[in-house]
C-alpha atoms as a PDB file:
ATOM      1  CA  MET A   1      -0.117   0.047   0.092  1.00  0.00           C
ATOM      2  CA  HIS A   2       1.042   3.515  -0.904  1.00  0.00           C
ATOM      3  CA  VAL A   3      -0.502   6.726   0.762  1.00  0.00           C
ATOM      4  CA  PHE A   4       0.052  10.067  -0.167  1.00  0.00           C
ATOM      5  CA  SER A   5      -1.220  13.528   0.616  1.00  0.00           C
ATOM      6  CA  ILE A   6      -1.114  16.196  -1.970  1.00  0.00           C
ATOM      7  CA  VAL A   7      -1.932  18.922   0.428  1.00  0.00           C
ATOM      8  CA  GLU A   8       0.782  18.322   2.621  1.00  0.00           C
ATOM      9  CA  ALA A   9       3.305  17.305  -0.535  1.00  0.00           C
ATOM     10  CA  ALA A  10       1.892  20.751  -2.255  1.00  0.00           C
ATOM     11  CA  GLU A  11       4.733  23.268  -3.119  1.00  0.00           C
ATOM     12  CA  PHE A  12       4.580  26.471  -5.156  1.00  0.00           C
ATOM     13  CA  ASP A  13       6.826  28.531  -7.160  1.00  0.00           C
ATOM     14  CA  PRO A  14       6.038  31.905  -8.751  1.00  0.00           C
ATOM     15  CA  LYS A  15       8.816  31.275 -11.651  1.00  0.00           C
ATOM     16  CA  LYS A  16       7.714  27.664 -12.681  1.00  0.00           C
ATOM     17  CA  HIS A  17       5.151  25.086 -11.829  1.00  0.00           C
ATOM     18  CA  VAL A  18       6.458  22.380  -9.533  1.00  0.00           C
ATOM     19  CA  GLU A  19       6.208  18.763 -10.005  1.00  0.00           C
ATOM     20  CA  LYS A  20       6.829  16.108  -7.145  1.00  0.00           C
ATOM     21  CA  ILE A  21       6.779  12.681  -7.665  1.00  0.00           C
ATOM     22  CA  LEU A  22       5.646  11.182  -4.521  1.00  0.00           C
ATOM     23  CA  GLY A  23       6.178   7.650  -5.540  1.00  0.00           C
ATOM     24  CA  ARG A  24       7.085   5.491  -8.013  1.00  0.00           C
ATOM     25  CA  ILE A  25       4.852   2.085  -8.484  1.00  0.00           C
ATOM     26  CA  GLU A  26       6.322  -0.543 -10.907  1.00  0.00           C
ATOM     27  CA  GLN A  27       6.031   0.986 -14.311  1.00  0.00           C
ATOM     28  CA  GLY A  28       4.908   4.491 -13.419  1.00  0.00           C
ATOM     29  CA  ASP A  29       4.680   7.229 -10.843  1.00  0.00           C
ATOM     30  CA  VAL A  30       2.580   9.400  -8.836  1.00  0.00           C
ATOM     31  CA  THR A  31       2.864  12.919  -8.989  1.00  0.00           C
ATOM     32  CA  VAL A  32       1.591  16.185  -7.217  1.00  0.00           C
ATOM     33  CA  ALA A  33       1.684  19.119  -9.690  1.00  0.00           C
ATOM     34  CA  CYS A  34       1.434  22.806  -7.792  1.00  0.00           C
ATOM     35  CA  TRP A  35       0.497  25.829 -10.428  1.00  0.00           C
ATOM     36  CA  GLU A  36       0.613  29.447  -9.935  1.00  0.00           C
ATOM     37  CA  PRO A  37      -2.345  31.695 -11.661  1.00  0.00           C
ATOM     38  CA  GLY A  38      -1.240  31.604 -15.292  1.00  0.00           C
ATOM     39  CA  GLN A  39       1.319  29.388 -15.584  1.00  0.00           C
ATOM     40  CA  ILE A  40       1.503  27.015 -18.605  1.00  0.00           C
ATOM     41  CA  SER A  41       3.311  23.682 -19.418  1.00  0.00           C
ATOM     42  CA  PRO A  42       5.259  23.069 -22.251  1.00  0.00           C
ATOM     43  CA  TYR A  43       3.172  21.529 -25.158  1.00  0.00           C
ATOM     44  CA  HIS A  44       4.559  17.959 -25.061  1.00  0.00           C
ATOM     45  CA  CYS A  45       3.837  14.528 -25.214  1.00  0.00           C
ATOM     46  CA  HIS A  46       5.201  11.019 -23.442  1.00  0.00           C
ATOM     47  CA  PRO A  47       5.213   8.708 -26.561  1.00  0.00           C
ATOM     48  CA  HIS A  48       5.586   5.611 -24.200  1.00  0.00           C
ATOM     49  CA  ALA A  49       3.476   6.390 -21.228  1.00  0.00           C
ATOM     50  CA  THR A  50      -0.085   7.386 -20.396  1.00  0.00           C
ATOM     51  CA  GLU A  51      -0.716  10.382 -18.403  1.00  0.00           C
ATOM     52  CA  ILE A  52      -3.527  11.000 -16.040  1.00  0.00           C
ATOM     53  CA  TYR A  53      -4.795  14.369 -14.168  1.00  0.00           C
ATOM     54  CA  PHE A  54      -7.023  14.978 -11.312  1.00  0.00           C
ATOM     55  CA  CYS A  55      -7.736  18.393 -10.132  1.00  0.00           C
ATOM     56  CA  PHE A  56      -8.044  18.729  -6.884  1.00  0.00           C
ATOM     57  CA  GLU A  57      -8.298  22.269  -6.272  1.00  0.00           C
ATOM     58  CA  GLY A  58      -8.070  25.406  -8.675  1.00  0.00           C
ATOM     59  CA  GLY A  59      -8.210  24.712 -12.520  1.00  0.00           C
ATOM     60  CA  GLY A  60      -7.321  25.875 -15.846  1.00  0.00           C
ATOM     61  CA  ILE A  61      -7.486  24.898 -19.501  1.00  0.00           C
ATOM     62  CA  MET A  62      -6.055  21.384 -20.853  1.00  0.00           C
ATOM     63  CA  ARG A  63      -5.092  21.681 -25.109  1.00  0.00           C
ATOM     64  CA  THR A  64      -4.687  18.829 -27.706  1.00  0.00           C
ATOM     65  CA  PRO A  65      -4.297  19.745 -31.374  1.00  0.00           C
ATOM     66  CA  THR A  66      -8.297  18.717 -31.434  1.00  0.00           C
ATOM     67  CA  GLU A  67      -9.660  20.353 -28.553  1.00  0.00           C
ATOM     68  CA  SER A  68      -9.624  22.305 -25.372  1.00  0.00           C
ATOM     69  CA  ILE A  69     -11.314  21.509 -21.933  1.00  0.00           C
ATOM     70  CA  VAL A  70     -12.029  23.339 -18.862  1.00  0.00           C
ATOM     71  CA  VAL A  71     -10.010  21.521 -16.057  1.00  0.00           C
ATOM     72  CA  LYS A  72     -12.027  22.266 -12.632  1.00  0.00           C
ATOM     73  CA  PRO A  73     -11.987  20.456  -9.237  1.00  0.00           C
ATOM     74  CA  GLY A  74     -13.146  16.938  -9.705  1.00  0.00           C
ATOM     75  CA  ALA A  75     -12.022  16.800 -13.646  1.00  0.00           C
ATOM     76  CA  PHE A  76     -10.156  13.568 -14.102  1.00  0.00           C
ATOM     77  CA  VAL A  77      -8.138  13.825 -17.850  1.00  0.00           C
ATOM     78  CA  VAL A  78      -6.487  10.990 -19.328  1.00  0.00           C
ATOM     79  CA  HIS A  79      -3.717  11.251 -22.259  1.00  0.00           C
ATOM     80  CA  PRO A  80      -2.813   8.054 -23.949  1.00  0.00           C
ATOM     81  CA  PRO A  81       0.613   7.730 -25.186  1.00  0.00           C
ATOM     82  CA  GLY A  82       1.900  10.281 -27.671  1.00  0.00           C
ATOM     83  CA  GLU A  83      -0.936  12.558 -27.322  1.00  0.00           C
ATOM     84  CA  VAL A  84       0.378  16.222 -27.675  1.00  0.00           C
ATOM     85  CA  HIS A  85      -1.075  18.450 -24.608  1.00  0.00           C
ATOM     86  CA  GLU A  86      -0.635  21.572 -22.944  1.00  0.00           C
ATOM     87  CA  TYR A  87      -1.972  22.795 -19.273  1.00  0.00           C
ATOM     88  CA  ALA A  88      -2.838  26.315 -18.794  1.00  0.00           C
ATOM     89  CA  ASN A  89      -3.624  27.456 -15.155  1.00  0.00           C
ATOM     90  CA  GLY A  90      -6.196  29.485 -14.498  1.00  0.00           C
ATOM     91  CA  PRO A  91      -6.606  32.434 -11.950  1.00  0.00           C
ATOM     92  CA  HIS A  92      -6.303  30.340  -8.907  1.00  0.00           C
ATOM     93  CA  ARG A  93      -3.238  28.302  -7.262  1.00  0.00           C
ATOM     94  CA  THR A  94      -4.051  24.576  -8.628  1.00  0.00           C
ATOM     95  CA  LEU A  95      -3.379  21.272  -7.051  1.00  0.00           C
ATOM     96  CA  LEU A  96      -3.088  18.134  -9.781  1.00  0.00           C
ATOM     97  CA  PHE A  97      -2.794  14.901  -8.866  1.00  0.00           C
ATOM     98  CA  ARG A  98      -1.076  12.859 -11.909  1.00  0.00           C
ATOM     99  CA  VAL A  99      -0.484   9.423 -12.567  1.00  0.00           C
ATOM    100  CA  ARG A 100       1.802   8.131 -15.436  1.00  0.00           C
ATOM    101  CA  TYR A 101       2.343   4.690 -16.529  1.00  0.00           C
ATOM    102  CA  GLY A 102       4.214   2.815 -19.228  1.00  0.00           C
ATOM    103  CA  SER A 103       7.485   1.895 -20.791  1.00  0.00           C
ATOM    104  CA  ASP A 104       8.926   5.235 -20.570  1.00  0.00           C
ATOM    105  CA  MET A 105       8.110   8.571 -18.850  1.00  0.00           C
ATOM    106  CA  ALA A 106      10.167  10.721 -20.785  1.00  0.00           C
ATOM    107  CA  ALA A 107       8.505  13.670 -22.388  1.00  0.00           C
ATOM    108  CA  ARG A 108       8.971  15.351 -25.783  1.00  0.00           C
ATOM    109  CA  HIS A 109       8.509  18.949 -25.809  1.00  0.00           C
ATOM    110  CA  LEU A 110       7.247  20.652 -28.966  1.00  0.00           C
ATOM    111  CA  ASP A 111       6.624  24.301 -27.726  1.00  0.00           C
ATOM    112  CA  TRP A 112       6.546  26.075 -24.508  1.00  0.00           C
ATOM    113  CA  ARG A 113       4.391  29.536 -25.066  1.00  0.00           C
ATOM    114  CA  GLY A 114       4.818  30.154 -21.323  1.00  0.00           C
ATOM    115  CA  ARG A 115       8.517  30.216 -21.106  1.00  0.00           C
ATOM    116  CA  ALA A 116      10.336  33.284 -22.715  1.00  0.00           C
ATOM    117  CA  GLY A 117      13.475  32.126 -24.768  1.00  0.00           C
ATOM    118  CA  TRP A 118      12.563  28.161 -24.632  1.00  0.00           C
ATOM    119  CA  MET A 119      14.250  26.335 -27.557  1.00  0.00           C
ATOM    120  CA  GLN A 120      13.372  22.982 -28.552  1.00  0.00           C
ATOM    121  CA  SER A 121      15.712  20.491 -28.335  1.00  0.00           C
ATOM    122  CA  VAL A 122      17.674  18.520 -31.084  1.00  0.00           C
ATOM    123  CA  GLU A 123      16.167  15.303 -30.081  1.00  0.00           C
ATOM    124  CA  ASP A 124      12.605  16.650 -29.603  1.00  0.00           C
ATOM    125  CA  ALA A 125      12.741  18.239 -33.121  1.00  0.00           C
ATOM    126  CA  ALA A 126      13.646  15.056 -34.805  1.00  0.00           C
ATOM    127  CA  TYR A 127      10.954  13.143 -32.966  1.00  0.00           C
ATOM    128  CA  TYR A 128       8.402  15.952 -34.216  1.00  0.00           C
ATOM    129  CA  ARG A 129       9.544  15.509 -37.440  1.00  0.00           C
ATOM    130  CA  GLU A 130       8.741  11.752 -37.493  1.00  0.00           C
ATOM    131  CA  HIS A 131       5.556  12.086 -35.434  1.00  0.00           C
ATOM    132  CA  PRO A 132       4.098  15.457 -37.104  1.00  0.00           C
ATOM    133  CA  VAL A 133       1.094  16.708 -35.109  1.00  0.00           C
END
């Protein structure tokens, strides 16, 4: 059995969102993701992992190439392997609980509109040339 408290593990940073891995279980991990108002994740995918978010408090917008949805307390979002997505936090602090599982948790970043001066890595650019969005 594994027991975690996302409230007790919460840690916020005004410069960037904070993701804390609370535990690793078999081929996955469980994380608390803490967001200040207006923070935005990279537009990315996990080619070999499913990523699941549960909104505990706060909320924002989750975007994929085909849709954008409102994330609010109680919302449960599942991204299958390879689905490109971005989370943009709303006007309040947000706590998300995340579960990832698969053969490799590595992310491939396409863009990061929330980070001035960000540049895509050579490896990520090669990945998206092979797997266009």
